[in-house]
Amino acid sequence: MNVDGSFFPSNKRIGSRGVVRDLNYTRMVGLSSLDEVDDIDMSEILAWNHDLNLAWDRGFRKVLCEMDNLNLVHILNSKEGFETHLHVTLLLEAREKIQRDWKIEVNHVDKEANGVAHFLAGRGVCQEQPLCIWEIPSS
């Protein structure tokens, strides 16, 4: 699962997005959303929550999440310390999702390695629908 967010301050539009796929790339689902909020952290936390729901609903039970927001990776991997974060409610929702009966690992990747999610996040800013899901057929 790759997650990213894109923020355009001029119109306060945020695109958040991600891609969920299995290890063999035989099942892939892409998702982009449009939100009107104030900062990139909120965008990426929303993306995380959307993508975890999508992964769970599609039956994925071992999830490797990669994102380029190192601060958020540290927060999601920590058992404490996020209670004072600006978006504590969204982070608590994320922690609840992590506690489900599945295995989740969260890793940091460079922005260049997060290209598909970054592309979809940028697309989310430009779309009119609040949420789009793409089923990507295997080749």
C-alpha atoms as a PDB file:
ATOM      1  CA  MET A   1       0.000   0.000   0.000  1.00  0.00           C
ATOM      2  CA  ASN A   2       1.444   3.366  -0.999  1.00  0.00           C
ATOM      3  CA  VAL A   3      -0.055   6.550   0.440  1.00  0.00           C
ATOM      4  CA  ASP A   4       0.454  10.222  -0.386  1.00  0.00           C
ATOM      5  CA  GLY A   5      -1.242  13.595  -0.122  1.00  0.00           C
ATOM      6  CA  SER A   6      -1.116  16.736  -2.228  1.00  0.00           C
ATOM      7  CA  PHE A   7      -2.062  20.203  -0.913  1.00  0.00           C
ATOM      8  CA  PHE A   8      -2.848  23.305  -2.961  1.00  0.00           C
ATOM      9  CA  PRO A   9      -2.944  26.277  -0.516  1.00  0.00           C
ATOM     10  CA  SER A  10      -4.500  28.650  -3.069  1.00  0.00           C
ATOM     11  CA  ASN A  11      -7.847  26.850  -2.957  1.00  0.00           C
ATOM     12  CA  LYS A  12      -7.339  24.733   0.196  1.00  0.00           C
ATOM     13  CA  ARG A  13      -7.955  21.568  -1.806  1.00  0.00           C
ATOM     14  CA  ILE A  14      -6.229  18.398  -0.793  1.00  0.00           C
ATOM     15  CA  GLY A  15      -5.913  15.275  -2.842  1.00  0.00           C
ATOM     16  CA  SER A  16      -5.094  12.188  -0.875  1.00  0.00           C
ATOM     17  CA  ARG A  17      -4.435   8.868  -2.380  1.00  0.00           C
ATOM     18  CA  GLY A  18      -2.985   5.495  -2.549  1.00  0.00           C
ATOM     19  CA  VAL A  19      -2.572   2.163  -4.223  1.00  0.00           C
ATOM     20  CA  VAL A  20      -3.241  -1.223  -2.649  1.00  0.00           C
ATOM     21  CA  ARG A  21      -1.751  -4.297  -4.336  1.00  0.00           C
ATOM     22  CA  ASP A  22      -0.629  -7.796  -3.515  1.00  0.00           C
ATOM     23  CA  LEU A  23       3.005  -8.878  -3.617  1.00  0.00           C
ATOM     24  CA  ASN A  24       2.688 -10.290  -7.132  1.00  0.00           C
ATOM     25  CA  TYR A  25       0.846  -7.231  -8.492  1.00  0.00           C
ATOM     26  CA  THR A  26      -2.053  -9.505  -9.492  1.00  0.00           C
ATOM     27  CA  ARG A  27      -4.618  -7.528  -7.479  1.00  0.00           C
ATOM     28  CA  MET A  28      -4.386  -3.753  -7.550  1.00  0.00           C
ATOM     29  CA  VAL A  29      -6.810  -1.047  -6.469  1.00  0.00           C
ATOM     30  CA  GLY A  30      -6.183   2.682  -6.760  1.00  0.00           C
ATOM     31  CA  LEU A  31      -8.016   5.366  -4.845  1.00  0.00           C
ATOM     32  CA  SER A  32      -8.046   9.165  -4.923  1.00  0.00           C
ATOM     33  CA  SER A  33     -10.076  11.607  -2.887  1.00  0.00           C
ATOM     34  CA  LEU A  34     -10.725  15.315  -2.790  1.00  0.00           C
ATOM     35  CA  ASP A  35     -10.915  17.004   0.592  1.00  0.00           C
ATOM     36  CA  GLU A  36     -11.059  20.645   1.607  1.00  0.00           C
ATOM     37  CA  VAL A  37      -8.800  20.958   4.641  1.00  0.00           C
ATOM     38  CA  ASP A  38      -5.830  23.040   5.719  1.00  0.00           C
ATOM     39  CA  ASP A  39      -2.651  20.967   5.773  1.00  0.00           C
ATOM     40  CA  ILE A  40      -0.714  18.119   4.243  1.00  0.00           C
ATOM     41  CA  ASP A  41      -0.561  16.006   7.411  1.00  0.00           C
ATOM     42  CA  MET A  42      -4.350  15.838   7.489  1.00  0.00           C
ATOM     43  CA  SER A  43      -4.332  14.872   3.819  1.00  0.00           C
ATOM     44  CA  GLU A  44      -1.958  11.977   4.391  1.00  0.00           C
ATOM     45  CA  ILE A  45      -3.781  10.759   7.511  1.00  0.00           C
ATOM     46  CA  LEU A  46      -7.053  10.791   5.537  1.00  0.00           C
ATOM     47  CA  ALA A  47      -5.298   8.850   2.762  1.00  0.00           C
ATOM     48  CA  TRP A  48      -4.004   6.341   5.312  1.00  0.00           C
ATOM     49  CA  ASN A  49      -7.497   5.813   6.767  1.00  0.00           C
ATOM     50  CA  HIS A  50      -9.148   5.524   3.333  1.00  0.00           C
ATOM     51  CA  ASP A  51      -6.519   3.050   2.149  1.00  0.00           C
ATOM     52  CA  LEU A  52      -6.698   0.899   5.278  1.00  0.00           C
ATOM     53  CA  ASN A  53     -10.461   0.638   4.834  1.00  0.00           C
ATOM     54  CA  LEU A  54      -9.966  -0.295   1.191  1.00  0.00           C
ATOM     55  CA  ALA A  55      -7.319  -2.915   2.020  1.00  0.00           C
ATOM     56  CA  TRP A  56      -9.528  -4.433   4.741  1.00  0.00           C
ATOM     57  CA  ASP A  57     -12.641  -4.453   2.535  1.00  0.00           C
ATOM     58  CA  ARG A  58     -10.694  -6.150  -0.294  1.00  0.00           C
ATOM     59  CA  GLY A  59      -9.474  -8.915   2.033  1.00  0.00           C
ATOM     60  CA  PHE A  60      -5.832  -7.928   2.457  1.00  0.00           C
ATOM     61  CA  ARG A  61      -4.589  -9.140   5.859  1.00  0.00           C
ATOM     62  CA  LYS A  62      -0.833  -8.547   5.562  1.00  0.00           C
ATOM     63  CA  VAL A  63      -0.225  -4.924   4.672  1.00  0.00           C
ATOM     64  CA  LEU A  64       3.038  -3.108   4.057  1.00  0.00           C
ATOM     65  CA  CYS A  65       2.336   0.615   3.947  1.00  0.00           C
ATOM     66  CA  GLU A  66       4.888   2.931   2.369  1.00  0.00           C
ATOM     67  CA  MET A  67       4.690   6.709   2.602  1.00  0.00           C
ATOM     68  CA  ASP A  68       7.093   9.600   2.148  1.00  0.00           C
ATOM     69  CA  ASN A  69       5.992  11.546   5.264  1.00  0.00           C
ATOM     70  CA  LEU A  70       8.649  10.464   7.785  1.00  0.00           C
ATOM     71  CA  ASN A  71       6.975  12.251  10.707  1.00  0.00           C
ATOM     72  CA  LEU A  72       3.705  10.415  10.075  1.00  0.00           C
ATOM     73  CA  VAL A  73       5.549   7.083   9.762  1.00  0.00           C
ATOM     74  CA  HIS A  74       7.062   7.666  13.223  1.00  0.00           C
ATOM     75  CA  ILE A  75       3.678   8.609  14.698  1.00  0.00           C
ATOM     76  CA  LEU A  76       1.897   5.574  13.215  1.00  0.00           C
ATOM     77  CA  ASN A  77       4.623   3.202  14.417  1.00  0.00           C
ATOM     78  CA  SER A  78       4.645   4.618  17.943  1.00  0.00           C
ATOM     79  CA  LYS A  79       2.464   3.410  20.788  1.00  0.00           C
ATOM     80  CA  GLU A  80       2.352   6.861  22.380  1.00  0.00           C
ATOM     81  CA  GLY A  81       3.028  10.512  21.774  1.00  0.00           C
ATOM     82  CA  PHE A  82       0.392  11.222  19.157  1.00  0.00           C
ATOM     83  CA  GLU A  83      -2.179  12.357  21.744  1.00  0.00           C
ATOM     84  CA  THR A  84      -0.981  15.965  21.369  1.00  0.00           C
ATOM     85  CA  HIS A  85      -0.947  15.940  17.554  1.00  0.00           C
ATOM     86  CA  LEU A  86      -3.204  18.470  15.821  1.00  0.00           C
ATOM     87  CA  HIS A  87      -5.161  15.625  14.174  1.00  0.00           C
ATOM     88  CA  VAL A  88      -5.398  13.323  17.192  1.00  0.00           C
ATOM     89  CA  THR A  89      -8.957  12.195  16.320  1.00  0.00           C
ATOM     90  CA  LEU A  90      -7.892  10.947  12.882  1.00  0.00           C
ATOM     91  CA  LEU A  91      -4.794   9.315  14.367  1.00  0.00           C
ATOM     92  CA  LEU A  92      -6.906   7.510  16.978  1.00  0.00           C
ATOM     93  CA  GLU A  93      -9.100   6.242  14.143  1.00  0.00           C
ATOM     94  CA  ALA A  94      -5.951   4.998  12.402  1.00  0.00           C
ATOM     95  CA  ARG A  95      -4.744   3.274  15.595  1.00  0.00           C
ATOM     96  CA  GLU A  96      -8.107   1.480  15.873  1.00  0.00           C
ATOM     97  CA  LYS A  97      -7.715   0.211  12.313  1.00  0.00           C
ATOM     98  CA  ILE A  98      -4.183  -1.006  13.079  1.00  0.00           C
ATOM     99  CA  GLN A  99      -5.562  -3.066  15.994  1.00  0.00           C
ATOM    100  CA  ARG A 100      -7.758  -5.179  13.685  1.00  0.00           C
ATOM    101  CA  ASP A 101      -6.920  -8.844  13.142  1.00  0.00           C
ATOM    102  CA  TRP A 102      -4.187  -8.287  10.536  1.00  0.00           C
ATOM    103  CA  LYS A 103      -0.500  -7.485  10.234  1.00  0.00           C
ATOM    104  CA  ILE A 104       0.483  -3.942   9.267  1.00  0.00           C
ATOM    105  CA  GLU A 105       3.984  -2.590   8.782  1.00  0.00           C
ATOM    106  CA  VAL A 106       4.575   1.112   8.077  1.00  0.00           C
ATOM    107  CA  ASN A 107       7.792   2.164   6.320  1.00  0.00           C
ATOM    108  CA  HIS A 108       9.225   5.390   4.988  1.00  0.00           C
ATOM    109  CA  VAL A 109      10.126   5.652   1.288  1.00  0.00           C
ATOM    110  CA  ASP A 110      11.603   8.502  -0.717  1.00  0.00           C
ATOM    111  CA  LYS A 111       9.158  10.649  -2.666  1.00  0.00           C
ATOM    112  CA  GLU A 112      10.552   9.207  -5.903  1.00  0.00           C
ATOM    113  CA  ALA A 113       9.653   5.665  -4.797  1.00  0.00           C
ATOM    114  CA  ASN A 114       6.101   6.761  -4.006  1.00  0.00           C
ATOM    115  CA  GLY A 115       5.340   7.875  -7.561  1.00  0.00           C
ATOM    116  CA  VAL A 116       2.007   6.140  -8.216  1.00  0.00           C
ATOM    117  CA  ALA A 117       0.455   7.378  -4.969  1.00  0.00           C
ATOM    118  CA  HIS A 118       1.868  10.862  -5.609  1.00  0.00           C
ATOM    119  CA  PHE A 119       0.324  10.893  -9.109  1.00  0.00           C
ATOM    120  CA  LEU A 120      -3.070   9.823  -7.752  1.00  0.00           C
ATOM    121  CA  ALA A 121      -2.891  12.425  -4.960  1.00  0.00           C
ATOM    122  CA  GLY A 122      -2.323  15.151  -7.545  1.00  0.00           C
ATOM    123  CA  ARG A 123      -5.227  13.767  -9.548  1.00  0.00           C
ATOM    124  CA  GLY A 124      -7.409  13.914  -6.436  1.00  0.00           C
ATOM    125  CA  VAL A 125      -6.901  17.678  -6.204  1.00  0.00           C
ATOM    126  CA  CYS A 126      -8.219  18.106  -9.756  1.00  0.00           C
ATOM    127  CA  GLN A 127     -11.182  15.742  -9.624  1.00  0.00           C
ATOM    128  CA  GLU A 128     -14.764  16.806  -8.959  1.00  0.00           C
ATOM    129  CA  GLN A 129     -15.933  13.641  -7.158  1.00  0.00           C
ATOM    130  CA  PRO A 130     -15.012  13.347  -3.475  1.00  0.00           C
ATOM    131  CA  LEU A 131     -13.804   9.743  -3.863  1.00  0.00           C
ATOM    132  CA  CYS A 132     -12.772   7.596  -6.852  1.00  0.00           C
ATOM    133  CA  ILE A 133     -11.755   3.928  -6.743  1.00  0.00           C
ATOM    134  CA  TRP A 134     -10.074   2.191  -9.664  1.00  0.00           C
ATOM    135  CA  GLU A 135      -9.930  -1.565 -10.000  1.00  0.00           C
ATOM    136  CA  ILE A 136      -6.743  -2.193 -11.929  1.00  0.00           C
ATOM    137  CA  PRO A 137      -6.814  -5.468 -13.860  1.00  0.00           C
ATOM    138  CA  SER A 138      -3.776  -7.704 -13.772  1.00  0.00           C
ATOM    139  CA  SER A 139      -1.837  -8.115 -16.993  1.00  0.00           C
END
